[in-house]
Amino acid sequence: MTAYLDSSALVKLYYPEEYSDALQAWVHRHTPELLVTPLHSLELLSAMAQKEFRGEITQESRAQWEIYFERDQVGGVLSRLVPDWPRVFDDAGRITRELTRRIGTRSLDVLHIAVARLSPIDLFVTNDARQGHAAREAGLTVRFVSALP
């Protein structure tokens, strides 16, 4: 199985949040191929820098997280995907025109949905209800972190 975890889900593999244990157990049980893109890298880097800014983690913890994230990409725990960005942005524009006025999706969420639609995935995993609804409307099979078996 190949899964695309949006950033709200992926961060739970590296920082203890609600449902982190459930997601880690699901990954351990099902051992899906987990695709990550440069968009994930940027969003996770930003999320961890925000945690440091708010005083939730130390600079050392953030630096250690970066090492773990890179190690998992190099070591094959995460599979790096470099999307065809022009196609992704074209598809994101279509998704935005179709869904954002009804669902209220944000641009980064739409980019994740577009990448997933253009990738060979079986499952889109998110912790964001609005994004999950939009992903389902866009034709993806969606699982919410809170409802993983």
Protein backbone atom coordinates (compact mmCIF):
# COMPACT_ATOMS: atom_id res chain seq x y z
CA MET A 1 0.00 0.00 0.00
CA THR A 2 1.19 3.49 -0.83
CA ALA A 3 -0.02 6.31 1.38
CA TYR A 4 0.21 10.06 1.14
CA LEU A 5 0.17 11.71 4.56
CA ASP A 6 -0.57 15.40 4.49
CA SER A 7 1.60 17.53 6.73
CA SER A 8 -0.92 17.57 9.60
CA ALA A 9 -0.58 13.79 9.74
CA LEU A 10 3.12 13.49 8.94
CA VAL A 11 4.18 15.79 11.78
CA LYS A 12 2.56 13.29 14.20
CA LEU A 13 5.25 10.75 13.30
CA TYR A 14 7.92 13.14 14.59
CA TYR A 15 6.28 15.12 17.38
CA PRO A 16 3.92 13.76 20.04
CA GLU A 17 0.45 15.15 19.43
CA GLU A 18 -3.06 13.80 19.74
CA TYR A 19 -3.31 10.57 17.69
CA SER A 20 0.48 10.28 17.23
CA ASP A 21 0.46 6.86 18.91
CA ALA A 22 -2.42 5.66 16.72
CA LEU A 23 -0.70 6.80 13.53
CA GLN A 24 2.62 5.25 14.53
CA ALA A 25 0.87 1.96 15.37
CA TRP A 26 -0.96 2.02 12.02
CA VAL A 27 2.31 2.61 10.13
CA HIS A 28 3.98 -0.20 12.09
CA ARG A 29 1.10 -2.64 11.40
CA HIS A 30 0.56 -1.85 7.74
CA THR A 31 4.06 -0.70 6.69
CA PRO A 32 2.79 1.47 3.85
CA GLU A 33 5.13 3.22 1.48
CA LEU A 34 4.92 6.83 2.70
CA LEU A 35 5.46 9.43 0.00
CA VAL A 36 6.99 12.79 0.87
CA THR A 37 7.60 15.80 -1.34
CA PRO A 38 9.51 19.06 -1.02
CA LEU A 39 6.18 20.55 0.09
CA HIS A 40 6.18 18.20 3.10
CA SER A 41 9.76 19.15 3.90
CA LEU A 42 8.94 22.85 3.85
CA GLU A 43 5.76 22.49 5.90
CA LEU A 44 7.37 20.25 8.51
CA LEU A 45 10.40 22.53 8.77
CA SER A 46 8.02 25.45 9.29
CA ALA A 47 5.91 23.55 11.85
CA MET A 48 8.94 22.64 13.92
CA ALA A 49 10.38 26.17 13.68
CA GLN A 50 7.01 27.47 14.90
CA LYS A 51 7.15 25.06 17.85
CA GLU A 52 10.62 26.40 18.67
CA PHE A 53 9.38 30.00 18.34
CA ARG A 54 6.50 29.28 20.75
CA GLY A 55 8.89 27.64 23.22
CA GLU A 56 7.36 24.17 22.83
CA ILE A 57 10.71 22.66 21.80
CA THR A 58 14.34 23.69 22.09
CA GLN A 59 16.66 24.56 19.23
CA GLU A 60 18.46 21.27 19.89
CA SER A 61 15.20 19.31 19.64
CA ARG A 62 14.32 21.00 16.37
CA ALA A 63 17.79 20.27 14.98
CA GLN A 64 17.48 16.62 16.07
CA TRP A 65 14.07 16.38 14.38
CA GLU A 66 15.63 17.60 11.11
CA ILE A 67 18.25 14.85 11.38
CA TYR A 68 15.57 12.18 11.96
CA PHE A 69 13.42 13.43 9.08
CA GLU A 70 16.38 13.44 6.67
CA ARG A 71 17.53 10.03 7.93
CA ASP A 72 14.08 8.56 7.26
CA GLN A 73 14.13 9.90 3.71
CA VAL A 74 17.63 8.63 2.96
CA GLY A 75 16.98 5.32 4.74
CA GLY A 76 13.78 4.56 2.86
CA VAL A 77 11.32 4.91 5.73
CA LEU A 78 9.87 7.75 3.67
CA SER A 79 9.88 7.66 -0.13
CA ARG A 80 10.87 10.91 -1.77
CA LEU A 81 8.60 12.00 -4.59
CA VAL A 82 9.41 14.93 -6.85
CA PRO A 83 6.12 15.84 -8.49
CA ASP A 84 5.65 17.42 -11.89
CA TRP A 85 4.99 20.83 -10.33
CA PRO A 86 3.43 22.50 -13.41
CA ARG A 87 0.89 19.66 -13.60
CA VAL A 88 0.34 19.87 -9.83
CA PHE A 89 -0.40 23.60 -10.01
CA ASP A 90 -2.73 23.10 -12.99
CA ASP A 91 -4.65 20.42 -11.09
CA ALA A 92 -4.65 22.54 -7.93
CA GLY A 93 -6.26 25.34 -9.92
CA ARG A 94 -9.00 22.96 -11.10
CA ILE A 95 -9.57 21.69 -7.56
CA THR A 96 -9.70 25.25 -6.23
CA ARG A 97 -12.27 26.33 -8.82
CA GLU A 98 -14.41 23.26 -8.10
CA LEU A 99 -14.13 22.93 -4.33
CA THR A 100 -12.76 25.93 -2.46
CA ARG A 101 -15.88 28.08 -2.78
CA ARG A 102 -17.95 25.22 -1.32
CA ILE A 103 -15.53 23.66 1.18
CA GLY A 104 -13.15 26.50 2.02
CA THR A 105 -9.91 24.64 1.33
CA ARG A 106 -6.61 26.45 1.74
CA SER A 107 -4.05 26.64 -1.05
CA LEU A 108 -1.45 24.39 0.63
CA ASP A 109 -4.14 21.79 1.34
CA VAL A 110 -5.18 21.90 -2.32
CA LEU A 111 -1.55 21.45 -3.38
CA HIS A 112 -1.32 18.28 -1.26
CA ILE A 113 -4.55 16.98 -2.80
CA ALA A 114 -3.28 17.71 -6.31
CA VAL A 115 0.05 15.99 -5.67
CA ALA A 116 -1.80 12.97 -4.29
CA ARG A 117 -4.19 12.83 -7.27
CA LEU A 118 -1.26 12.81 -9.67
CA SER A 119 0.67 10.15 -7.72
CA PRO A 120 0.30 6.37 -7.50
CA ILE A 121 -1.29 6.25 -4.04
CA ASP A 122 -3.87 4.02 -2.42
CA LEU A 123 -4.70 6.21 0.54
CA PHE A 124 -4.66 9.88 1.54
CA VAL A 125 -4.22 10.33 5.30
CA THR A 126 -5.01 13.62 7.01
CA ASN A 127 -5.91 15.10 10.36
CA ASP A 128 -7.73 18.04 8.75
CA ALA A 129 -11.50 17.59 8.32
CA ARG A 130 -11.89 20.22 5.61
CA GLN A 131 -8.95 18.90 3.62
CA GLY A 132 -10.19 15.33 4.00
CA HIS A 133 -13.61 16.33 2.70
CA ALA A 134 -12.04 18.08 -0.28
CA ALA A 135 -9.72 15.14 -0.98
CA ARG A 136 -12.67 12.77 -0.98
CA GLU A 137 -14.59 15.09 -3.33
CA ALA A 138 -11.49 15.13 -5.56
CA GLY A 139 -11.67 11.34 -5.87
CA LEU A 140 -9.13 10.18 -3.30
CA THR A 141 -9.62 7.42 -0.75
CA VAL A 142 -9.29 9.25 2.56
CA ARG A 143 -8.57 8.12 6.10
CA PHE A 144 -8.50 10.44 9.06
CA VAL A 145 -5.73 9.95 11.60
CA SER A 146 -8.38 9.87 14.33
CA ALA A 147 -10.11 6.92 12.64
CA LEU A 148 -7.21 4.70 11.55
CA PRO A 149 -7.87 1.01 12.21
